[in-house]
C-alpha atoms as a PDB file:
ATOM      1  CA  MET A   1     -14.136  28.345  21.034  1.00  0.00           C
ATOM      2  CA  VAL A   2     -11.786  26.781  18.444  1.00  0.00           C
ATOM      3  CA  ASP A   3     -12.708  27.129  14.785  1.00  0.00           C
ATOM      4  CA  ARG A   4     -12.947  23.602  13.416  1.00  0.00           C
ATOM      5  CA  ASP A   5     -11.774  24.591   9.893  1.00  0.00           C
ATOM      6  CA  VAL A   6      -8.574  26.129  11.329  1.00  0.00           C
ATOM      7  CA  GLU A   7      -8.028  23.143  13.537  1.00  0.00           C
ATOM      8  CA  ARG A   8      -8.557  20.820  10.540  1.00  0.00           C
ATOM      9  CA  GLN A   9      -6.121  22.754   8.300  1.00  0.00           C
ATOM     10  CA  HIS A  10      -3.482  22.690  11.016  1.00  0.00           C
ATOM     11  CA  PHE A  11      -3.897  18.894  11.306  1.00  0.00           C
ATOM     12  CA  VAL A  12      -3.650  18.392   7.491  1.00  0.00           C
ATOM     13  CA  ARG A  13      -0.452  20.543   7.294  1.00  0.00           C
ATOM     14  CA  LYS A  14       1.077  18.638  10.229  1.00  0.00           C
ATOM     15  CA  TYR A  15       0.085  15.258   8.746  1.00  0.00           C
ATOM     16  CA  ASN A  16       1.331  16.225   5.293  1.00  0.00           C
ATOM     17  CA  ALA A  17       4.699  17.404   6.627  1.00  0.00           C
ATOM     18  CA  LYS A  18       5.260  14.131   8.554  1.00  0.00           C
ATOM     19  CA  TYR A  19       3.818  11.510   6.143  1.00  0.00           C
ATOM     20  CA  SER A  20       4.018  12.921   2.621  1.00  0.00           C
ATOM     21  CA  THR A  21       6.809  10.660   1.538  1.00  0.00           C
ATOM     22  CA  ILE A  22       5.287   7.455   2.895  1.00  0.00           C
ATOM     23  CA  VAL A  23       3.758   5.083   0.432  1.00  0.00           C
ATOM     24  CA  LYS A  24       1.717   1.961   0.919  1.00  0.00           C
ATOM     25  CA  LEU A  25       1.784  -0.435  -1.974  1.00  0.00           C
ATOM     26  CA  GLU A  26      -0.627  -3.370  -2.160  1.00  0.00           C
ATOM     27  CA  ILE A  27      -0.250  -6.026  -4.808  1.00  0.00           C
ATOM     28  CA  VAL A  28      -2.496  -9.037  -5.300  1.00  0.00           C
ATOM     29  CA  CYS A  29      -0.985 -11.681  -7.469  1.00  0.00           C
ATOM     30  CA  LEU A  30      -0.855 -15.421  -7.986  1.00  0.00           C
ATOM     31  CA  ASP A  31       1.127 -17.356  -5.372  1.00  0.00           C
ATOM     32  CA  ASP A  32       3.941 -18.219  -7.767  1.00  0.00           C
ATOM     33  CA  GLU A  33       4.454 -14.541  -8.532  1.00  0.00           C
ATOM     34  CA  ALA A  34       4.807 -13.290  -5.004  1.00  0.00           C
ATOM     35  CA  MET A  35       8.613 -13.714  -4.727  1.00  0.00           C
ATOM     36  CA  ARG A  36       9.169 -12.084  -8.080  1.00  0.00           C
ATOM     37  CA  PHE A  37       7.257  -8.994  -6.957  1.00  0.00           C
ATOM     38  CA  THR A  38       9.182  -9.022  -3.654  1.00  0.00           C
ATOM     39  CA  ASP A  39      12.479  -9.134  -5.539  1.00  0.00           C
ATOM     40  CA  ILE A  40      11.400  -6.268  -7.804  1.00  0.00           C
ATOM     41  CA  ILE A  41      10.332  -4.087  -4.926  1.00  0.00           C
ATOM     42  CA  MET A  42      13.549  -4.796  -3.059  1.00  0.00           C
ATOM     43  CA  ALA A  43      15.626  -3.924  -6.058  1.00  0.00           C
ATOM     44  CA  HIS A  44      13.925  -0.600  -6.585  1.00  0.00           C
ATOM     45  CA  ALA A  45      12.962   0.539  -3.068  1.00  0.00           C
ATOM     46  CA  HIS A  46      16.128  -0.424  -1.107  1.00  0.00           C
ATOM     47  CA  THR A  47      18.253   2.572  -0.111  1.00  0.00           C
ATOM     48  CA  GLY A  48      19.857   1.091   3.048  1.00  0.00           C
ATOM     49  CA  GLU A  49      18.466   3.985   4.983  1.00  0.00           C
ATOM     50  CA  ARG A  50      16.016   3.915   7.909  1.00  0.00           C
ATOM     51  CA  GLY A  51      12.494   3.868   6.592  1.00  0.00           C
ATOM     52  CA  ASP A  52      12.957   1.630   3.575  1.00  0.00           C
ATOM     53  CA  GLY A  53       9.911  -0.240   4.845  1.00  0.00           C
ATOM     54  CA  ARG A  54       8.801  -3.818   4.993  1.00  0.00           C
ATOM     55  CA  ILE A  55       7.246  -6.376   2.712  1.00  0.00           C
ATOM     56  CA  PHE A  56       4.553  -8.551   4.070  1.00  0.00           C
ATOM     57  CA  VAL A  57       3.208 -11.519   2.031  1.00  0.00           C
ATOM     58  CA  SER A  58      -0.121 -12.858   3.101  1.00  0.00           C
ATOM     59  CA  THR A  59      -2.951 -14.925   1.563  1.00  0.00           C
ATOM     60  CA  ILE A  60      -6.115 -13.732   0.008  1.00  0.00           C
ATOM     61  CA  ASP A  61      -8.911 -16.138   0.868  1.00  0.00           C
ATOM     62  CA  HIS A  62     -11.286 -15.103  -1.967  1.00  0.00           C
ATOM     63  CA  ALA A  63     -11.334 -12.547  -4.764  1.00  0.00           C
ATOM     64  CA  THR A  64     -14.304 -11.431  -6.883  1.00  0.00           C
ATOM     65  CA  ASN A  65     -14.202  -8.941  -9.762  1.00  0.00           C
ATOM     66  CA  ILE A  66     -17.208  -6.697  -9.196  1.00  0.00           C
ATOM     67  CA  ARG A  67     -17.613  -5.722 -12.895  1.00  0.00           C
ATOM     68  CA  THR A  68     -17.370  -9.229 -14.401  1.00  0.00           C
ATOM     69  CA  GLY A  69     -18.356 -11.493 -11.524  1.00  0.00           C
ATOM     70  CA  ALA A  70     -15.189 -13.532 -12.053  1.00  0.00           C
ATOM     71  CA  GLU A  71     -13.958 -15.349  -8.974  1.00  0.00           C
ATOM     72  CA  GLY A  72     -10.718 -16.779  -7.723  1.00  0.00           C
ATOM     73  CA  ASP A  73      -7.646 -16.557  -9.903  1.00  0.00           C
ATOM     74  CA  ALA A  74      -9.884 -15.374 -12.801  1.00  0.00           C
ATOM     75  CA  ALA A  75     -10.754 -12.202 -10.816  1.00  0.00           C
ATOM     76  CA  LEU A  76      -7.106 -11.127 -10.965  1.00  0.00           C
END
């Protein structure tokens, strides 16, 4: 029978070795700021090498600040 802790440790080491340099960045901003953030990311993340990543711009239908209860743009 396989020891689950040993199996889990093996998985974590394997995952860390493969993905430790990958970053996911999520930014929520006003519509008119989206291209500025895109330009900033491109300027600082571009290496010209495989794996530079992709930028996706999509809409947020609704935002609510949990602490204040502010909604919409005021939640940002």
